[in-house]
């Protein structure tokens, strides 16, 4: 009878520890999921920033081309 009580205590202790481990593991998985979502959002933001910078560069080149055309037309008519 003493052996049965020991095994019951041991099994309940193992169940408690396993339950705590399961909760910790689930919390770690949730944290990793949040980190992954944040990294994806950061990557999307960086891609949008890169696209905006390329658009800015294109606009600056268009402005320079327009200024050059204005200068050429001014020197041509002078």
PDB file of N, CA and C in Angstrom:
ATOM      1  N   UNK A   1       0.827  -1.202   0.000  1.00  0.00           N
ATOM      2  CA  UNK A   1       0.000   0.000   0.000  1.00  0.00           C
ATOM      3  C   UNK A   1       0.864   1.255   0.000  1.00  0.00           C
ATOM      4  N   UNK A   2       1.973   1.189   0.707  1.00  0.00           N
ATOM      5  CA  UNK A   2       2.881   2.331   0.773  1.00  0.00           C
ATOM      6  C   UNK A   2       3.469   2.630  -0.610  1.00  0.00           C
ATOM      7  N   UNK A   3       3.752   1.547  -1.349  1.00  0.00           N
ATOM      8  CA  UNK A   3       4.283   1.720  -2.693  1.00  0.00           C
ATOM      9  C   UNK A   3       3.282   2.431  -3.603  1.00  0.00           C
ATOM     10  N   UNK A   4       2.027   2.105  -3.501  1.00  0.00           N
ATOM     11  CA  UNK A   4       1.001   2.716  -4.341  1.00  0.00           C
ATOM     12  C   UNK A   4       0.914   4.209  -4.050  1.00  0.00           C
ATOM     13  N   UNK A   5       0.949   4.597  -2.783  1.00  0.00           N
ATOM     14  CA  UNK A   5       0.919   6.025  -2.439  1.00  0.00           C
ATOM     15  C   UNK A   5       2.140   6.745  -3.012  1.00  0.00           C
ATOM     16  N   UNK A   6       3.303   6.087  -2.908  1.00  0.00           N
ATOM     17  CA  UNK A   6       4.517   6.700  -3.448  1.00  0.00           C
ATOM     18  C   UNK A   6       4.376   6.933  -4.947  1.00  0.00           C
ATOM     19  N   UNK A   7       3.881   5.921  -5.654  1.00  0.00           N
ATOM     20  CA  UNK A   7       3.728   6.068  -7.108  1.00  0.00           C
ATOM     21  C   UNK A   7       2.687   7.127  -7.454  1.00  0.00           C
ATOM     22  N   UNK A   8       1.600   7.205  -6.688  1.00  0.00           N
ATOM     23  CA  UNK A   8       0.589   8.237  -6.931  1.00  0.00           C
ATOM     24  C   UNK A   8       1.183   9.620  -6.729  1.00  0.00           C
ATOM     25  N   UNK A   9       1.958   9.784  -5.655  1.00  0.00           N
ATOM     26  CA  UNK A   9       2.614  11.090  -5.420  1.00  0.00           C
ATOM     27  C   UNK A   9       3.604  11.410  -6.541  1.00  0.00           C
ATOM     28  N   UNK A  10       4.362  10.399  -6.922  1.00  0.00           N
ATOM     29  CA  UNK A  10       5.354  10.615  -7.964  1.00  0.00           C
ATOM     30  C   UNK A  10       4.674  10.992  -9.277  1.00  0.00           C
ATOM     31  N   UNK A  11       3.590  10.292  -9.630  1.00  0.00           N
ATOM     32  CA  UNK A  11       2.864  10.584 -10.865  1.00  0.00           C
ATOM     33  C   UNK A  11       2.261  11.985 -10.815  1.00  0.00           C
ATOM     34  N   UNK A  12       1.692  12.380  -9.687  1.00  0.00           N
ATOM     35  CA  UNK A  12       1.111  13.730  -9.603  1.00  0.00           C
ATOM     36  C   UNK A  12       2.204  14.796  -9.660  1.00  0.00           C
ATOM     37  N   UNK A  13       3.366  14.510  -9.077  1.00  0.00           N
ATOM     38  CA  UNK A  13       4.481  15.465  -9.162  1.00  0.00           C
ATOM     39  C   UNK A  13       4.957  15.594 -10.606  1.00  0.00           C
ATOM     40  N   UNK A  14       5.053  14.478 -11.296  1.00  0.00           N
ATOM     41  CA  UNK A  14       5.460  14.515 -12.711  1.00  0.00           C
ATOM     42  C   UNK A  14       4.424  15.279 -13.524  1.00  0.00           C
ATOM     43  N   UNK A  15       3.144  15.048 -13.257  1.00  0.00           N
ATOM     44  CA  UNK A  15       2.092  15.768 -13.978  1.00  0.00           C
ATOM     45  C   UNK A  15       2.166  17.269 -13.731  1.00  0.00           C
ATOM     46  N   UNK A  16       2.431  17.667 -12.481  1.00  0.00           N
ATOM     47  CA  UNK A  16       2.568  19.105 -12.187  1.00  0.00           C
ATOM     48  C   UNK A  16       3.741  19.709 -12.939  1.00  0.00           C
ATOM     49  N   UNK A  17       4.871  19.028 -12.905  1.00  0.00           N
ATOM     50  CA  UNK A  17       6.053  19.539 -13.598  1.00  0.00           C
ATOM     51  C   UNK A  17       5.822  19.601 -15.109  1.00  0.00           C
ATOM     52  N   UNK A  18       5.188  18.571 -15.643  1.00  0.00           N
ATOM     53  CA  UNK A  18       4.921  18.561 -17.080  1.00  0.00           C
ATOM     54  C   UNK A  18       3.932  19.658 -17.449  1.00  0.00           C
ATOM     55  N   UNK A  19       2.938  19.896 -16.592  1.00  0.00           N
ATOM     56  CA  UNK A  19       1.987  20.980 -16.840  1.00  0.00           C
ATOM     57  C   UNK A  19       2.674  22.328 -16.833  1.00  0.00           C
ATOM     58  N   UNK A  20       3.585  22.526 -15.870  1.00  0.00           N
ATOM     59  CA  UNK A  20       4.335  23.788 -15.818  1.00  0.00           C
ATOM     60  C   UNK A  20       5.216  23.930 -17.058  1.00  0.00           C
ATOM     61  N   UNK A  21       5.854  22.836 -17.465  1.00  0.00           N
ATOM     62  CA  UNK A  21       6.691  22.877 -18.668  1.00  0.00           C
ATOM     63  C   UNK A  21       5.850  23.211 -19.895  1.00  0.00           C
ATOM     64  N   UNK A  22       4.672  22.602 -19.984  1.00  0.00           N
ATOM     65  CA  UNK A  22       3.792  22.853 -21.125  1.00  0.00           C
ATOM     66  C   UNK A  22       3.375  24.316 -21.180  1.00  0.00           C
ATOM     67  N   UNK A  23       3.056  24.899 -20.029  1.00  0.00           N
ATOM     68  CA  UNK A  23       2.680  26.316 -19.995  1.00  0.00           C
ATOM     69  C   UNK A  23       3.861  27.196 -20.385  1.00  0.00           C
ATOM     70  N   UNK A  24       5.052  26.876 -19.869  1.00  0.00           N
ATOM     71  CA  UNK A  24       6.248  27.645 -20.230  1.00  0.00           C
ATOM     72  C   UNK A  24       6.532  27.541 -21.724  1.00  0.00           C
ATOM     73  N   UNK A  25       6.402  26.338 -22.261  1.00  0.00           N
ATOM     74  CA  UNK A  25       6.668  26.132 -23.684  1.00  0.00           C
ATOM     75  C   UNK A  25       5.663  26.906 -24.528  1.00  0.00           C
ATOM     76  N   UNK A  26       4.399  26.896 -24.117  1.00  0.00           N
ATOM     77  CA  UNK A  26       3.375  27.648 -24.856  1.00  0.00           C
ATOM     78  C   UNK A  26       3.671  29.142 -24.813  1.00  0.00           C
ATOM     79  N   UNK A  27       4.130  29.637 -23.668  1.00  0.00           N
ATOM     80  CA  UNK A  27       4.481  31.061 -23.558  1.00  0.00           C
ATOM     81  C   UNK A  27       5.667  31.388 -24.467  1.00  0.00           C
ATOM     82  N   UNK A  28       6.630  30.504 -24.537  1.00  0.00           N
ATOM     83  CA  UNK A  28       7.793  30.723 -25.410  1.00  0.00           C
ATOM     84  C   UNK A  28       7.356  30.750 -26.871  1.00  0.00           C
ATOM     85  N   UNK A  29       6.481  29.830 -27.238  1.00  0.00           N
ATOM     86  CA  UNK A  29       5.988  29.800 -28.625  1.00  0.00           C
ATOM     87  C   UNK A  29       5.225  31.082 -28.952  1.00  0.00           C
ATOM     88  N   UNK A  30       4.393  31.560 -28.015  1.00  0.00           N
ATOM     89  CA  UNK A  30       3.668  32.822 -28.252  1.00  0.00           C
ATOM     90  C   UNK A  30       4.641  33.983 -28.408  1.00  0.00           C
ATOM     91  N   UNK A  31       5.672  34.027 -27.558  1.00  0.00           N
ATOM     92  CA  UNK A  31       6.660  35.098 -27.669  1.00  0.00           C
ATOM     93  C   UNK A  31       7.396  35.034 -28.999  1.00  0.00           C
ATOM     94  N   UNK A  32       7.764  33.833 -29.416  1.00  0.00           N
ATOM     95  CA  UNK A  32       8.446  33.696 -30.705  1.00  0.00           C
ATOM     96  C   UNK A  32       7.546  34.110 -31.855  1.00  0.00           C
ATOM     97  N   UNK A  33       6.265  33.797 -31.737  1.00  0.00           N
ATOM     98  CA  UNK A  33       5.313  34.211 -32.765  1.00  0.00           C
ATOM     99  C   UNK A  33       5.223  35.733 -32.836  1.00  0.00           C
ATOM    100  N   UNK A  34       5.182  36.390 -31.686  1.00  0.00           N
ATOM    101  CA  UNK A  34       5.139  37.857 -31.669  1.00  0.00           C
ATOM    102  C   UNK A  34       6.412  38.455 -32.248  1.00  0.00           C
ATOM    103  N   UNK A  35       7.542  37.846 -31.935  1.00  0.00           N
ATOM    104  CA  UNK A  35       8.816  38.328 -32.479  1.00  0.00           C
ATOM    105  C   UNK A  35       8.829  38.167 -33.994  1.00  0.00           C
ATOM    106  N   UNK A  36       8.359  37.027 -34.480  1.00  0.00           N
ATOM    107  CA  UNK A  36       8.325  36.794 -35.920  1.00  0.00           C
ATOM    108  C   UNK A  36       7.410  37.783 -36.628  1.00  0.00           C
ATOM    109  N   UNK A  37       6.240  38.045 -36.047  1.00  0.00           N
ATOM    110  CA  UNK A  37       5.315  39.021 -36.638  1.00  0.00           C
ATOM    111  C   UNK A  37       5.962  40.403 -36.657  1.00  0.00           C
ATOM    112  N   UNK A  38       6.638  40.765 -35.580  1.00  0.00           N
ATOM    113  CA  UNK A  38       7.310  42.069 -35.535  1.00  0.00           C
ATOM    114  C   UNK A  38       8.414  42.157 -36.585  1.00  0.00           C
ATOM    115  N   UNK A  39       9.160  41.081 -36.764  1.00  0.00           N
ATOM    116  CA  UNK A  39      10.219  41.088 -37.774  1.00  0.00           C
ATOM    117  C   UNK A  39       9.654  41.204 -39.188  1.00  0.00           C
ATOM    118  N   UNK A  40       8.544  40.545 -39.437  1.00  0.00           N
ATOM    119  CA  UNK A  40       7.914  40.651 -40.765  1.00  0.00           C
ATOM    120  C   UNK A  40       7.419  42.074 -40.988  1.00  0.00           C
ATOM    121  N   UNK A  41       6.801  42.662 -39.965  1.00  0.00           N
ATOM    122  CA  UNK A  41       6.346  44.051 -40.099  1.00  0.00           C
ATOM    123  C   UNK A  41       7.520  44.992 -40.332  1.00  0.00           C
ATOM    124  N   UNK A  42       8.633  44.761 -39.641  1.00  0.00           N
ATOM    125  CA  UNK A  42       9.825  45.576 -39.849  1.00  0.00           C
ATOM    126  C   UNK A  42      10.345  45.423 -41.272  1.00  0.00           C
ATOM    127  N   UNK A  43      10.358  44.208 -41.769  1.00  0.00           N
ATOM    128  CA  UNK A  43      10.816  43.974 -43.132  1.00  0.00           C
ATOM    129  C   UNK A  43       9.916  44.676 -44.144  1.00  0.00           C
ATOM    130  N   UNK A  44       8.612  44.611 -43.937  1.00  0.00           N
ATOM    131  CA  UNK A  44       7.674  45.306 -44.829  1.00  0.00           C
ATOM    132  C   UNK A  44       7.918  46.810 -44.783  1.00  0.00           C
ATOM    133  N   UNK A  45       8.124  47.356 -43.594  1.00  0.00           N
ATOM    134  CA  UNK A  45       8.394  48.793 -43.464  1.00  0.00           C
ATOM    135  C   UNK A  45       9.693  49.170 -44.166  1.00  0.00           C
ATOM    136  N   UNK A  46      10.704  48.327 -44.043  1.00  0.00           N
ATOM    137  CA  UNK A  46      11.976  48.621 -44.707  1.00  0.00           C
ATOM    138  C   UNK A  46      11.836  48.573 -46.225  1.00  0.00           C
ATOM    139  N   UNK A  47      11.052  47.643 -46.729  1.00  0.00           N
ATOM    140  CA  UNK A  47      10.827  47.578 -48.178  1.00  0.00           C
ATOM    141  C   UNK A  47      10.071  48.819 -48.647  1.00  0.00           C
ATOM    142  N   UNK A  48       9.053  49.236 -47.879  1.00  0.00           N
ATOM    143  CA  UNK A  48       8.331  50.459 -48.242  1.00  0.00           C
ATOM    144  C   UNK A  48       9.260  51.669 -48.227  1.00  0.00           C
ATOM    145  N   UNK A  49      10.139  51.739 -47.234  1.00  0.00           N
ATOM    146  CA  UNK A  49      11.102  52.838 -47.171  1.00  0.00           C
ATOM    147  C   UNK A  49      12.014  52.824 -48.389  1.00  0.00           C
ATOM    148  N   UNK A  50      12.475  51.652 -48.768  1.00  0.00           N
ATOM    149  CA  UNK A  50      13.342  51.542 -49.939  1.00  0.00           C
ATOM    150  C   UNK A  50      12.607  51.989 -51.201  1.00  0.00           C
ATOM    151  N   UNK A  51      11.355  51.591 -51.347  1.00  0.00           N
ATOM    152  CA  UNK A  51      10.560  52.009 -52.506  1.00  0.00           C
ATOM    153  C   UNK A  51      10.398  53.523 -52.511  1.00  0.00           C
ATOM    154  N   UNK A  52      10.112  54.114 -51.361  1.00  0.00           N
ATOM    155  CA  UNK A  52       9.966  55.568 -51.281  1.00  0.00           C
ATOM    156  C   UNK A  52      11.274  56.276 -51.607  1.00  0.00           C
ATOM    157  N   UNK A  53      12.383  55.722 -51.166  1.00  0.00           N
ATOM    158  CA  UNK A  53      13.677  56.330 -51.485  1.00  0.00           C
ATOM    159  C   UNK A  53      13.970  56.258 -52.984  1.00  0.00           C
ATOM    160  N   UNK A  54      13.608  55.162 -53.608  1.00  0.00           N
ATOM    161  CA  UNK A  54      13.794  55.047 -55.060  1.00  0.00           C
ATOM    162  C   UNK A  54      12.916  56.067 -55.780  1.00  0.00           C
ATOM    163  N   UNK A  55      11.672  56.229 -55.332  1.00  0.00           N
ATOM    164  CA  UNK A  55      10.790  57.238 -55.937  1.00  0.00           C
ATOM    165  C   UNK A  55      11.381  58.636 -55.755  1.00  0.00           C
ATOM    166  N   UNK A  56      11.918  58.904 -54.588  1.00  0.00           N
ATOM    167  CA  UNK A  56      12.548  60.203 -54.336  1.00  0.00           C
ATOM    168  C   UNK A  56      13.727  60.418 -55.277  1.00  0.00           C
ATOM    169  N   UNK A  57      14.526  59.401 -55.453  1.00  0.00           N
ATOM    170  CA  UNK A  57      15.675  59.509 -56.348  1.00  0.00           C
ATOM    171  C   UNK A  57      15.221  59.755 -57.791  1.00  0.00           C
ATOM    172  N   UNK A  58      14.199  59.063 -58.214  1.00  0.00           N
ATOM    173  CA  UNK A  58      13.661  59.271 -59.567  1.00  0.00           C
ATOM    174  C   UNK A  58      13.154  60.701 -59.719  1.00  0.00           C
ATOM    175  N   UNK A  59      12.441  61.189 -58.708  1.00  0.00           N
ATOM    176  CA  UNK A  59      11.943  62.570 -58.769  1.00  0.00           C
ATOM    177  C   UNK A  59      13.085  63.574 -58.815  1.00  0.00           C
ATOM    178  N   UNK A  60      14.132  63.336 -58.049  1.00  0.00           N
ATOM    179  CA  UNK A  60      15.283  64.248 -58.072  1.00  0.00           C
ATOM    180  C   UNK A  60      15.959  64.245 -59.436  1.00  0.00           C
ATOM    181  N   UNK A  61      16.062  63.081 -60.048  1.00  0.00           N
ATOM    182  CA  UNK A  61      16.658  63.005 -61.383  1.00  0.00           C
ATOM    183  C   UNK A  61      15.784  63.742 -62.387  1.00  0.00           C
ATOM    184  N   UNK A  62      14.478  63.603 -62.270  1.00  0.00           N
ATOM    185  CA  UNK A  62      13.575  64.334 -63.169  1.00  0.00           C
ATOM    186  C   UNK A  62      13.724  65.834 -62.985  1.00  0.00           C
ATOM    187  N   UNK A  63      13.882  66.284 -61.746  1.00  0.00           N
ATOM    188  CA  UNK A  63      14.082  67.720 -61.494  1.00  0.00           C
ATOM    189  C   UNK A  63      15.392  68.187 -62.126  1.00  0.00           C
ATOM    190  N   UNK A  64      16.438  67.402 -61.968  1.00  0.00           N
ATOM    191  CA  UNK A  64      17.729  67.786 -62.558  1.00  0.00           C
ATOM    192  C   UNK A  64      17.649  67.819 -64.087  1.00  0.00           C
ATOM    193  N   UNK A  65      16.966  66.872 -64.665  1.00  0.00           N
ATOM    194  CA  UNK A  65      16.804  66.875 -66.125  1.00  0.00           C
ATOM    195  C   UNK A  65      16.017  68.101 -66.569  1.00  0.00           C
ATOM    196  N   UNK A  66      14.972  68.440 -65.831  1.00  0.00           N
ATOM    197  CA  UNK A  66      14.193  69.634 -66.164  1.00  0.00           C
ATOM    198  C   UNK A  66      15.038  70.898 -66.027  1.00  0.00           C
ATOM    199  N   UNK A  67      15.823  70.996 -64.985  1.00  0.00           N
ATOM    200  CA  UNK A  67      16.706  72.159 -64.815  1.00  0.00           C
ATOM    201  C   UNK A  67      17.724  72.240 -65.947  1.00  0.00           C
ATOM    202  N   UNK A  68      18.240  71.101 -66.345  1.00  0.00           N
ATOM    203  CA  UNK A  68      19.197  71.107 -67.448  1.00  0.00           C
ATOM    204  C   UNK A  68      18.520  71.590 -68.729  1.00  0.00           C
ATOM    205  N   UNK A  69      17.299  71.128 -68.975  1.00  0.00           N
ATOM    206  CA  UNK A  69      16.580  71.568 -70.166  1.00  0.00           C
ATOM    207  C   UNK A  69      16.309  73.070 -70.110  1.00  0.00           C
ATOM    208  N   UNK A  70      15.974  73.578 -68.933  1.00  0.00           N
ATOM    209  CA  UNK A  70      15.746  75.025 -68.786  1.00  0.00           C
ATOM    210  C   UNK A  70      17.031  75.781 -69.063  1.00  0.00           C
ATOM    211  N   UNK A  71      18.144  75.312 -68.511  1.00  0.00           N
ATOM    212  CA  UNK A  71      19.424  75.981 -68.741  1.00  0.00           C
ATOM    213  C   UNK A  71      19.811  75.933 -70.213  1.00  0.00           C
ATOM    214  N   UNK A  72      19.606  74.778 -70.847  1.00  0.00           N
ATOM    215  CA  UNK A  72      19.945  74.660 -72.273  1.00  0.00           C
ATOM    216  C   UNK A  72      19.080  75.611 -73.101  1.00  0.00           C
ATOM    217  N   UNK A  73      17.780  75.692 -72.770  1.00  0.00           N
ATOM    218  CA  UNK A  73      16.913  76.578 -73.534  1.00  0.00           C
ATOM    219  C   UNK A  73      17.268  78.044 -73.266  1.00  0.00           C
ATOM    220  N   UNK A  74      17.665  78.382 -72.058  1.00  0.00           N
ATOM    221  CA  UNK A  74      18.056  79.759 -71.756  1.00  0.00           C
ATOM    222  C   UNK A  74      19.340  80.141 -72.490  1.00  0.00           C
ATOM    223  N   UNK A  75      20.298  79.227 -72.499  1.00  0.00           N
ATOM    224  CA  UNK A  75      21.554  79.545 -73.198  1.00  0.00           C
ATOM    225  C   UNK A  75      21.338  79.545 -74.711  1.00  0.00           C
ATOM    226  N   UNK A  76      20.405  78.766 -75.194  1.00  0.00           N
ATOM    227  CA  UNK A  76      20.149  78.729 -76.626  1.00  0.00           C
ATOM    228  C   UNK A  76      19.504  80.030 -77.101  1.00  0.00           C
ATOM    229  N   UNK A  77      18.621  80.601 -76.303  1.00  0.00           N
ATOM    230  CA  UNK A  77      17.934  81.829 -76.693  1.00  0.00           C
ATOM    231  C   UNK A  77      18.697  83.086 -76.321  1.00  0.00           C
ATOM    232  N   UNK A  78      19.751  82.921 -75.555  1.00  0.00           N
ATOM    233  CA  UNK A  78      20.509  84.113 -75.162  1.00  0.00           C
ATOM    234  C   UNK A  78      21.394  84.630 -76.247  1.00  0.00           C
TER     235      UNK A  78
END
